C-alpha atoms as a PDB file:
ATOM      1  CA  MET A   1      -0.160  -0.034   0.156  1.00  0.00           C
ATOM      2  CA  GLU A   2       3.098   2.213   0.549  1.00  0.00           C
ATOM      3  CA  MET A   3       3.870   1.895  -2.875  1.00  0.00           C
ATOM      4  CA  SER A   4       0.783   2.753  -3.986  1.00  0.00           C
ATOM      5  CA  GLY A   5       0.988   5.748  -1.649  1.00  0.00           C
ATOM      6  CA  TYR A   6       4.196   7.223  -3.120  1.00  0.00           C
ATOM      7  CA  ILE A   7       3.211   7.167  -6.393  1.00  0.00           C
ATOM      8  CA  ALA A   8      -0.066   9.014  -5.614  1.00  0.00           C
ATOM      9  CA  SER A   9       2.174  12.202  -4.249  1.00  0.00           C
ATOM     10  CA  VAL A  10       3.627  12.499  -7.633  1.00  0.00           C
ATOM     11  CA  LEU A  11      -0.095  13.095  -8.673  1.00  0.00           C
ATOM     12  CA  ILE A  12      -0.533  15.793  -5.953  1.00  0.00           C
ATOM     13  CA  GLY A  13       2.181  17.829  -6.850  1.00  0.00           C
ATOM     14  CA  ILE A  14       1.164  17.247 -10.307  1.00  0.00           C
ATOM     15  CA  SER A  15      -2.085  18.673  -9.693  1.00  0.00           C
ATOM     16  CA  LEU A  16      -1.175  21.578  -7.995  1.00  0.00           C
ATOM     17  CA  GLY A  17       1.353  22.234 -10.997  1.00  0.00           C
ATOM     18  CA  LEU A  18      -0.976  22.152 -13.519  1.00  0.00           C
ATOM     19  CA  ILE A  19      -4.497  23.564 -12.209  1.00  0.00           C
ATOM     20  CA  GLY A  20      -3.395  25.292  -8.646  1.00  0.00           C
ATOM     21  CA  GLY A  21      -5.329  23.263  -6.466  1.00  0.00           C
ATOM     22  CA  GLY A  22      -6.546  19.613  -5.744  1.00  0.00           C
ATOM     23  CA  GLY A  23      -3.404  18.800  -3.738  1.00  0.00           C
ATOM     24  CA  SER A  24      -4.829  18.213  -0.369  1.00  0.00           C
ATOM     25  CA  ILE A  25      -7.970  16.238  -2.170  1.00  0.00           C
ATOM     26  CA  LEU A  26      -5.664  13.633  -3.124  1.00  0.00           C
ATOM     27  CA  THR A  27      -3.217  14.148   0.252  1.00  0.00           C
ATOM     28  CA  VAL A  28      -5.830  13.174   2.921  1.00  0.00           C
ATOM     29  CA  PRO A  29      -7.419  10.123   1.372  1.00  0.00           C
ATOM     30  CA  VAL A  30      -3.748   8.970   0.543  1.00  0.00           C
ATOM     31  CA  LEU A  31      -2.580   9.148   4.166  1.00  0.00           C
ATOM     32  CA  VAL A  32      -5.649   8.161   5.414  1.00  0.00           C
ATOM     33  CA  TYR A  33      -6.008   4.896   3.024  1.00  0.00           C
ATOM     34  CA  LEU A  34      -2.542   4.063   1.854  1.00  0.00           C
ATOM     35  CA  PHE A  35      -0.546   5.235   4.828  1.00  0.00           C
ATOM     36  CA  GLY A  36      -3.012   3.905   7.482  1.00  0.00           C
ATOM     37  CA  LEU A  37      -3.116   7.520   9.695  1.00  0.00           C
ATOM     38  CA  ASN A  38      -6.014   8.597  11.421  1.00  0.00           C
ATOM     39  CA  ALA A  39      -8.158  11.539  10.414  1.00  0.00           C
ATOM     40  CA  LEU A  40      -6.321  13.881  12.533  1.00  0.00           C
ATOM     41  CA  ALA A  41      -3.308  13.435  12.102  1.00  0.00           C
ATOM     42  CA  ALA A  42      -4.159  13.202   8.300  1.00  0.00           C
ATOM     43  CA  THR A  43      -5.226  16.970   7.997  1.00  0.00           C
ATOM     44  CA  GLU A  44      -1.843  17.860  10.077  1.00  0.00           C
ATOM     45  CA  TYR A  45       0.553  15.926   7.787  1.00  0.00           C
ATOM     46  CA  SER A  46      -1.526  17.428   4.619  1.00  0.00           C
ATOM     47  CA  LEU A  47      -0.593  21.151   5.642  1.00  0.00           C
ATOM     48  CA  PHE A  48       3.037  20.632   5.623  1.00  0.00           C
ATOM     49  CA  ILE A  49       3.173  18.001   2.259  1.00  0.00           C
ATOM     50  CA  VAL A  50       0.763  20.575   0.390  1.00  0.00           C
ATOM     51  CA  GLY A  51       2.304  23.716   1.825  1.00  0.00           C
ATOM     52  CA  ILE A  52       5.616  22.607   0.451  1.00  0.00           C
ATOM     53  CA  SER A  53       4.617  21.423  -2.541  1.00  0.00           C
ATOM     54  CA  SER A  54       2.618  24.520  -3.275  1.00  0.00           C
ATOM     55  CA  LEU A  55       5.522  26.518  -2.255  1.00  0.00           C
ATOM     56  CA  ALA A  56       8.001  24.790  -4.998  1.00  0.00           C
ATOM     57  CA  GLY A  57       5.609  25.450  -7.456  1.00  0.00           C
ATOM     58  CA  SER A  58       4.980  29.092  -6.954  1.00  0.00           C
ATOM     59  CA  VAL A  59       8.659  29.825  -7.463  1.00  0.00           C
ATOM     60  CA  SER A  60       8.308  28.753 -11.135  1.00  0.00           C
ATOM     61  CA  TYR A  61       5.015  30.628 -11.328  1.00  0.00           C
ATOM     62  CA  LEU A  62       6.427  33.565  -9.826  1.00  0.00           C
ATOM     63  CA  LYS A  63       9.734  33.810 -11.982  1.00  0.00           C
ATOM     64  CA  LYS A  64       7.114  33.740 -14.881  1.00  0.00           C
ATOM     65  CA  GLY A  65       5.366  36.698 -13.567  1.00  0.00           C
ATOM     66  CA  TRP A  66       2.299  34.947 -13.248  1.00  0.00           C
ATOM     67  CA  ALA A  67       0.914  35.692  -9.380  1.00  0.00           C
ATOM     68  CA  ASN A  68      -0.016  38.611  -8.008  1.00  0.00           C
ATOM     69  CA  LEU A  69       1.387  39.251  -4.351  1.00  0.00           C
ATOM     70  CA  ARG A  70      -1.139  41.984  -3.192  1.00  0.00           C
ATOM     71  CA  THR A  71      -3.770  39.779  -3.788  1.00  0.00           C
ATOM     72  CA  ALA A  72      -1.956  36.778  -2.152  1.00  0.00           C
ATOM     73  CA  PHE A  73      -0.784  38.821   1.252  1.00  0.00           C
ATOM     74  CA  VAL A  74      -4.578  40.576   1.423  1.00  0.00           C
ATOM     75  CA  PHE A  75      -6.179  36.619   1.197  1.00  0.00           C
ATOM     76  CA  GLY A  76      -3.207  34.899   3.009  1.00  0.00           C
ATOM     77  CA  ILE A  77      -3.305  37.288   6.493  1.00  0.00           C
ATOM     78  CA  PRO A  78      -7.015  36.329   7.532  1.00  0.00           C
ATOM     79  CA  SER A  79      -6.718  33.095   6.187  1.00  0.00           C
ATOM     80  CA  VAL A  80      -4.015  32.064   8.718  1.00  0.00           C
ATOM     81  CA  ILE A  81      -5.875  33.722  11.585  1.00  0.00           C
ATOM     82  CA  SER A  82      -8.839  31.800  10.786  1.00  0.00           C
ATOM     83  CA  ILE A  83      -6.354  28.880  10.519  1.00  0.00           C
ATOM     84  CA  PHE A  84      -5.168  29.174  13.823  1.00  0.00           C
ATOM     85  CA  ILE A  85      -8.252  29.490  15.630  1.00  0.00           C
ATOM     86  CA  THR A  86     -10.113  26.882  13.806  1.00  0.00           C
ATOM     87  CA  ARG A  87      -7.111  24.244  14.902  1.00  0.00           C
ATOM     88  CA  ASN A  88      -6.601  25.448  18.262  1.00  0.00           C
ATOM     89  CA  TYR A  89      -9.663  26.380  19.468  1.00  0.00           C
ATOM     90  CA  ILE A  90     -12.428  24.660  17.402  1.00  0.00           C
ATOM     91  CA  LEU A  91     -10.883  21.204  16.592  1.00  0.00           C
ATOM     92  CA  PRO A  92     -10.099  20.750  20.260  1.00  0.00           C
ATOM     93  CA  GLN A  93     -13.649  21.116  20.929  1.00  0.00           C
ATOM     94  CA  ILE A  94     -14.808  18.622  18.852  1.00  0.00           C
ATOM     95  CA  PRO A  95     -15.372  14.809  20.933  1.00  0.00           C
ATOM     96  CA  ASN A  96     -14.062  11.928  20.212  1.00  0.00           C
ATOM     97  CA  GLU A  97     -17.339  10.444  19.870  1.00  0.00           C
ATOM     98  CA  VAL A  98     -19.593  13.028  18.087  1.00  0.00           C
ATOM     99  CA  PHE A  99     -23.281  11.607  17.855  1.00  0.00           C
ATOM    100  CA  PHE A 100     -24.644   8.610  17.302  1.00  0.00           C
ATOM    101  CA  ALA A 101     -27.083   7.088  14.636  1.00  0.00           C
ATOM    102  CA  GLY A 102     -28.834   3.906  15.264  1.00  0.00           C
ATOM    103  CA  ASN A 103     -25.642   1.524  15.366  1.00  0.00           C
ATOM    104  CA  LEU A 104     -23.492   3.868  13.575  1.00  0.00           C
ATOM    105  CA  THR A 105     -21.059   5.799  15.987  1.00  0.00           C
ATOM    106  CA  VAL A 106     -20.114   8.779  14.655  1.00  0.00           C
ATOM    107  CA  THR A 107     -16.446   9.763  15.786  1.00  0.00           C
ATOM    108  CA  LYS A 108     -14.177  12.697  15.267  1.00  0.00           C
ATOM    109  CA  ASP A 109     -12.077  10.363  12.415  1.00  0.00           C
ATOM    110  CA  ILE A 110     -15.514  10.256  10.795  1.00  0.00           C
ATOM    111  CA  LEU A 111     -16.924  13.151  11.076  1.00  0.00           C
ATOM    112  CA  LEU A 112     -13.834  15.016   9.498  1.00  0.00           C
ATOM    113  CA  LEU A 113     -13.244  12.865   6.853  1.00  0.00           C
ATOM    114  CA  SER A 114     -17.267  13.339   6.058  1.00  0.00           C
ATOM    115  CA  ILE A 115     -16.872  16.726   6.061  1.00  0.00           C
ATOM    116  CA  PHE A 116     -13.631  16.352   3.751  1.00  0.00           C
ATOM    117  CA  ALA A 117     -15.669  14.205   1.402  1.00  0.00           C
ATOM    118  CA  ALA A 118     -18.373  16.773   0.901  1.00  0.00           C
ATOM    119  CA  LEU A 119     -16.203  19.118  -0.151  1.00  0.00           C
ATOM    120  CA  MET A 120     -14.470  16.708  -2.591  1.00  0.00           C
ATOM    121  CA  ILE A 121     -18.066  16.692  -4.056  1.00  0.00           C
ATOM    122  CA  LEU A 122     -18.689  20.345  -3.602  1.00  0.00           C
ATOM    123  CA  ALA A 123     -15.135  20.645  -5.724  1.00  0.00           C
ATOM    124  CA  SER A 124     -15.720  18.030  -7.993  1.00  0.00           C
ATOM    125  CA  TRP A 125     -18.777  20.101  -9.362  1.00  0.00           C
ATOM    126  CA  LYS A 126     -16.978  23.394  -9.527  1.00  0.00           C
ATOM    127  CA  MET A 127     -14.117  21.426 -11.663  1.00  0.00           C
ATOM    128  CA  ILE A 128     -16.860  19.500 -13.705  1.00  0.00           C
ATOM    129  CA  ARG A 129     -19.397  22.560 -14.791  1.00  0.00           C
ATOM    130  CA  LYS A 130     -18.369  24.180 -17.791  1.00  0.00           C
ATOM    131  CA  ALA A 131     -15.784  26.476 -17.313  1.00  0.00           C
ATOM    132  CA  LYS A 132     -15.953  30.769 -17.895  1.00  0.00           C
ATOM    133  CA  GLU A 133     -14.237  32.517 -20.462  1.00  0.00           C
ATOM    134  CA  ASP A 134     -10.980  33.510 -19.342  1.00  0.00           C
ATOM    135  CA  PRO A 135     -10.585  37.115 -18.668  1.00  0.00           C
ATOM    136  CA  ALA A 136      -7.235  36.625 -20.167  1.00  0.00           C
ATOM    137  CA  GLU A 137      -8.493  36.500 -22.834  1.00  0.00           C
ATOM    138  CA  THR A 138     -11.299  39.296 -23.164  1.00  0.00           C
ATOM    139  CA  GLY A 139      -8.747  42.038 -21.570  1.00  0.00           C
ATOM    140  CA  ASN A 140      -7.295  43.202 -18.281  1.00  0.00           C
ATOM    141  CA  ASP A 141      -9.957  44.459 -16.419  1.00  0.00           C
ATOM    142  CA  GLN A 142      -8.998  42.394 -12.959  1.00  0.00           C
ATOM    143  CA  LYS A 143     -10.701  44.174  -9.790  1.00  0.00           C
ATOM    144  CA  PHE A 144      -9.408  44.236  -6.233  1.00  0.00           C
ATOM    145  CA  ASP A 145     -11.837  44.503  -3.629  1.00  0.00           C
ATOM    146  CA  THR A 146      -9.914  43.961  -0.438  1.00  0.00           C
ATOM    147  CA  MET A 147     -12.898  43.205   1.748  1.00  0.00           C
ATOM    148  CA  MET A 148     -14.027  40.451  -1.011  1.00  0.00           C
ATOM    149  CA  ILE A 149     -10.658  39.090  -0.825  1.00  0.00           C
ATOM    150  CA  ALA A 150     -10.391  39.447   2.818  1.00  0.00           C
ATOM    151  CA  GLY A 151     -13.510  37.651   3.421  1.00  0.00           C
ATOM    152  CA  GLN A 152     -13.034  34.601   0.873  1.00  0.00           C
ATOM    153  CA  GLY A 153      -9.701  34.594   3.362  1.00  0.00           C
ATOM    154  CA  LEU A 154     -11.421  33.971   5.964  1.00  0.00           C
ATOM    155  CA  MET A 155     -13.601  30.764   4.647  1.00  0.00           C
ATOM    156  CA  VAL A 156     -10.699  29.536   2.978  1.00  0.00           C
ATOM    157  CA  GLY A 157      -8.507  29.517   6.517  1.00  0.00           C
ATOM    158  CA  ILE A 158     -11.585  27.800   8.061  1.00  0.00           C
ATOM    159  CA  LEU A 159     -11.396  25.036   5.949  1.00  0.00           C
ATOM    160  CA  THR A 160      -7.953  24.552   5.814  1.00  0.00           C
ATOM    161  CA  GLY A 161      -7.940  24.770   9.526  1.00  0.00           C
ATOM    162  CA  LEU A 162     -10.557  21.956  10.090  1.00  0.00           C
ATOM    163  CA  VAL A 163      -9.851  19.505   7.552  1.00  0.00           C
ATOM    164  CA  GLY A 164      -6.260  20.243   6.060  1.00  0.00           C
ATOM    165  CA  ALA A 165      -7.374  21.352   2.526  1.00  0.00           C
ATOM    166  CA  GLY A 166      -5.683  24.145   0.900  1.00  0.00           C
ATOM    167  CA  GLY A 167      -8.636  25.208  -0.562  1.00  0.00           C
ATOM    168  CA  GLY A 168      -7.046  25.313  -4.313  1.00  0.00           C
ATOM    169  CA  PHE A 169     -10.735  24.828  -5.417  1.00  0.00           C
ATOM    170  CA  MET A 170     -12.121  27.911  -3.506  1.00  0.00           C
ATOM    171  CA  ILE A 171      -9.137  30.291  -4.287  1.00  0.00           C
ATOM    172  CA  ILE A 172      -9.254  29.720  -7.864  1.00  0.00           C
ATOM    173  CA  PRO A 173     -13.258  30.355  -9.115  1.00  0.00           C
ATOM    174  CA  ALA A 174     -12.548  33.292  -6.343  1.00  0.00           C
ATOM    175  CA  LEU A 175      -9.941  34.652  -8.249  1.00  0.00           C
ATOM    176  CA  VAL A 176     -10.942  34.426 -11.818  1.00  0.00           C
ATOM    177  CA  ASN A 177     -14.919  34.664 -11.812  1.00  0.00           C
ATOM    178  CA  LEU A 178     -15.083  37.387  -9.058  1.00  0.00           C
ATOM    179  CA  LEU A 179     -11.744  39.169  -9.234  1.00  0.00           C
ATOM    180  CA  LYS A 180     -11.476  38.864 -13.109  1.00  0.00           C
ATOM    181  CA  THR A 181      -7.524  36.857 -12.842  1.00  0.00           C
ATOM    182  CA  PRO A 182      -6.054  35.565 -15.625  1.00  0.00           C
ATOM    183  CA  MET A 183      -6.134  31.687 -15.270  1.00  0.00           C
ATOM    184  CA  LYS A 184      -2.425  31.536 -15.171  1.00  0.00           C
ATOM    185  CA  VAL A 185      -2.056  34.493 -12.559  1.00  0.00           C
ATOM    186  CA  ALA A 186      -4.850  32.550 -10.739  1.00  0.00           C
ATOM    187  CA  ILE A 187      -3.027  29.476 -10.589  1.00  0.00           C
ATOM    188  CA  GLY A 188       0.619  30.671  -9.485  1.00  0.00           C
ATOM    189  CA  THR A 189      -1.515  33.536  -6.612  1.00  0.00           C
ATOM    190  CA  SER A 190      -2.924  30.172  -5.681  1.00  0.00           C
ATOM    191  CA  LEU A 191      -0.279  28.285  -5.142  1.00  0.00           C
ATOM    192  CA  ILE A 192       1.542  31.417  -3.007  1.00  0.00           C
ATOM    193  CA  ILE A 193      -1.938  31.349  -0.804  1.00  0.00           C
ATOM    194  CA  ILE A 194      -1.744  27.883  -0.278  1.00  0.00           C
ATOM    195  CA  SER A 195       1.925  27.801   0.953  1.00  0.00           C
ATOM    196  CA  PHE A 196       1.604  30.334   2.985  1.00  0.00           C
ATOM    197  CA  ASN A 197      -1.776  29.189   4.928  1.00  0.00           C
ATOM    198  CA  SER A 198      -0.758  25.514   4.791  1.00  0.00           C
ATOM    199  CA  LEU A 199       2.885  25.877   6.441  1.00  0.00           C
ATOM    200  CA  ILE A 200       2.047  28.664   8.893  1.00  0.00           C
ATOM    201  CA  GLY A 201      -1.164  26.429   9.793  1.00  0.00           C
ATOM    202  CA  PHE A 202       1.187  23.554  10.177  1.00  0.00           C
ATOM    203  CA  PHE A 203       3.994  25.130  12.129  1.00  0.00           C
ATOM    204  CA  SER A 204       1.690  26.999  14.574  1.00  0.00           C
ATOM    205  CA  THR A 205      -0.371  23.831  15.581  1.00  0.00           C
ATOM    206  CA  MET A 206       1.745  21.237  15.486  1.00  0.00           C
ATOM    207  CA  HIS A 207       2.501  17.954  17.620  1.00  0.00           C
ATOM    208  CA  HIS A 208       6.336  17.919  17.252  1.00  0.00           C
ATOM    209  CA  ALA A 209       6.272  14.503  19.424  1.00  0.00           C
ATOM    210  CA  ALA A 210       3.820  12.671  16.889  1.00  0.00           C
ATOM    211  CA  MET A 211       5.874  13.981  13.971  1.00  0.00           C
ATOM    212  CA  ASP A 212       6.874  11.246  11.418  1.00  0.00           C
ATOM    213  CA  TRP A 213       9.506  13.313   9.576  1.00  0.00           C
ATOM    214  CA  LYS A 214      11.287  10.590   7.431  1.00  0.00           C
ATOM    215  CA  LEU A 215       7.477  10.011   5.764  1.00  0.00           C
ATOM    216  CA  LEU A 216       6.570  13.523   5.560  1.00  0.00           C
ATOM    217  CA  SER A 217      10.013  14.627   4.290  1.00  0.00           C
ATOM    218  CA  THR A 218       9.616  11.905   1.507  1.00  0.00           C
ATOM    219  CA  ILE A 219       5.722  12.077   0.489  1.00  0.00           C
ATOM    220  CA  SER A 220       6.826  15.994   0.135  1.00  0.00           C
ATOM    221  CA  SER A 221      10.260  15.575  -1.810  1.00  0.00           C
ATOM    222  CA  ILE A 222       7.590  13.156  -4.009  1.00  0.00           C
ATOM    223  CA  ALA A 223       5.332  16.038  -4.255  1.00  0.00           C
ATOM    224  CA  VAL A 224       7.621  18.113  -5.612  1.00  0.00           C
ATOM    225  CA  PHE A 225       8.856  16.342  -8.081  1.00  0.00           C
ATOM    226  CA  GLY A 226       5.460  16.079  -8.904  1.00  0.00           C
ATOM    227  CA  ILE A 227       4.538  19.597  -8.689  1.00  0.00           C
ATOM    228  CA  ILE A 228       8.096  20.551 -10.779  1.00  0.00           C
ATOM    229  CA  ILE A 229       6.548  18.129 -13.559  1.00  0.00           C
ATOM    230  CA  GLY A 230       2.968  19.686 -14.014  1.00  0.00           C
ATOM    231  CA  SER A 231       4.662  23.034 -14.030  1.00  0.00           C
ATOM    232  CA  GLN A 232       6.339  21.888 -17.090  1.00  0.00           C
ATOM    233  CA  LEU A 233       3.584  20.639 -18.446  1.00  0.00           C
ATOM    234  CA  SER A 234       1.558  23.427 -17.982  1.00  0.00           C
ATOM    235  CA  LYS A 235       3.170  25.405 -20.549  1.00  0.00           C
ATOM    236  CA  SER A 236       1.764  23.256 -23.033  1.00  0.00           C
ATOM    237  CA  ILE A 237      -1.646  21.603 -21.491  1.00  0.00           C
ATOM    238  CA  ASP A 238      -4.295  24.026 -20.836  1.00  0.00           C
ATOM    239  CA  GLY A 239      -5.292  23.331 -17.091  1.00  0.00           C
ATOM    240  CA  LYS A 240      -8.686  24.001 -17.523  1.00  0.00           C
ATOM    241  CA  LYS A 241      -9.013  21.206 -20.021  1.00  0.00           C
ATOM    242  CA  LEU A 242      -7.732  18.580 -17.156  1.00  0.00           C
ATOM    243  CA  LYS A 243     -10.098  20.031 -14.761  1.00  0.00           C
ATOM    244  CA  PRO A 244     -13.459  18.303 -15.640  1.00  0.00           C
ATOM    245  CA  ALA A 245     -11.348  14.695 -15.827  1.00  0.00           C
ATOM    246  CA  PHE A 246     -10.003  15.516 -12.594  1.00  0.00           C
ATOM    247  CA  GLY A 247     -13.390  16.933 -11.171  1.00  0.00           C
ATOM    248  CA  TRP A 248     -14.800  13.402 -12.390  1.00  0.00           C
ATOM    249  CA  PHE A 249     -12.175  11.432 -10.430  1.00  0.00           C
ATOM    250  CA  THR A 250     -12.618  13.434  -7.159  1.00  0.00           C
ATOM    251  CA  LEU A 251     -16.533  12.458  -7.086  1.00  0.00           C
ATOM    252  CA  VAL A 252     -15.849   9.673  -6.916  1.00  0.00           C
ATOM    253  CA  MET A 253     -13.356   9.586  -4.024  1.00  0.00           C
ATOM    254  CA  GLY A 254     -15.495  11.730  -2.368  1.00  0.00           C
ATOM    255  CA  ILE A 255     -18.431   8.874  -2.610  1.00  0.00           C
ATOM    256  CA  TYR A 256     -16.107   6.496  -2.002  1.00  0.00           C
ATOM    257  CA  ILE A 257     -15.212   8.057   1.318  1.00  0.00           C
ATOM    258  CA  ILE A 258     -18.676   8.627   2.480  1.00  0.00           C
ATOM    259  CA  VAL A 259     -19.435   4.908   1.748  1.00  0.00           C
ATOM    260  CA  ARG A 260     -16.676   3.383   3.538  1.00  0.00           C
ATOM    261  CA  GLU A 261     -16.936   5.643   6.668  1.00  0.00           C
ATOM    262  CA  LEU A 262     -20.851   5.339   7.087  1.00  0.00           C
ATOM    263  CA  ILE A 263     -22.215   3.267   5.815  1.00  0.00           C
ATOM    264  CA  PHE A 264     -19.334   0.325   5.644  1.00  0.00           C
END
């Protein structure tokens, strides 16, 4: 199973490099089902793996001028605040046994994985539906609405704090559809925001004694290799064309997690 996990780690990076998101959608299930971690540990490890690989990918986009640092900063500050609050004050308040439904005991792990699966299904819908016209092809009428960006940052921060997801599937639509950001710039900006959120979220809440640094460093290195591949492929492959296929994969994974955790 570990070999399958290492192979899947390459795909984590490739998805981030190509479409600016989707890495955490793969990371948490890989850690839980292929490496045998519990859901809470998987969300913590995911922050580091996605953060490191996104940071590596953002360097390539920055060199090409495909990133907006101002947007990343305004988006990132409220995100980090909500991540810190969520992981330090909200997650610890969730009991190990949340509620009972007949013969089913919904534990903290099951709840977190169910929330994650629901987010996967939402993300799949956003990726499968027909993409709107790329503003890069219609002009440079990019907007900058500080309050809107900060509000989106708060929402993504809560998501990141709860389930270890970088939130790329929320960041990209916000940048493209609401702020009229060209797609490639949106991907580069998304990678900066994801790396900023994930790494600060990880280092501000990690449990040092419980960390398997060998596993973390191995998976992260493989994911970085994948994101280098994805960034190179982005030069010749339109990430928007890959989103529907990745969306269907995400939908199947989300349904699988719900069936496995709540039914079997």
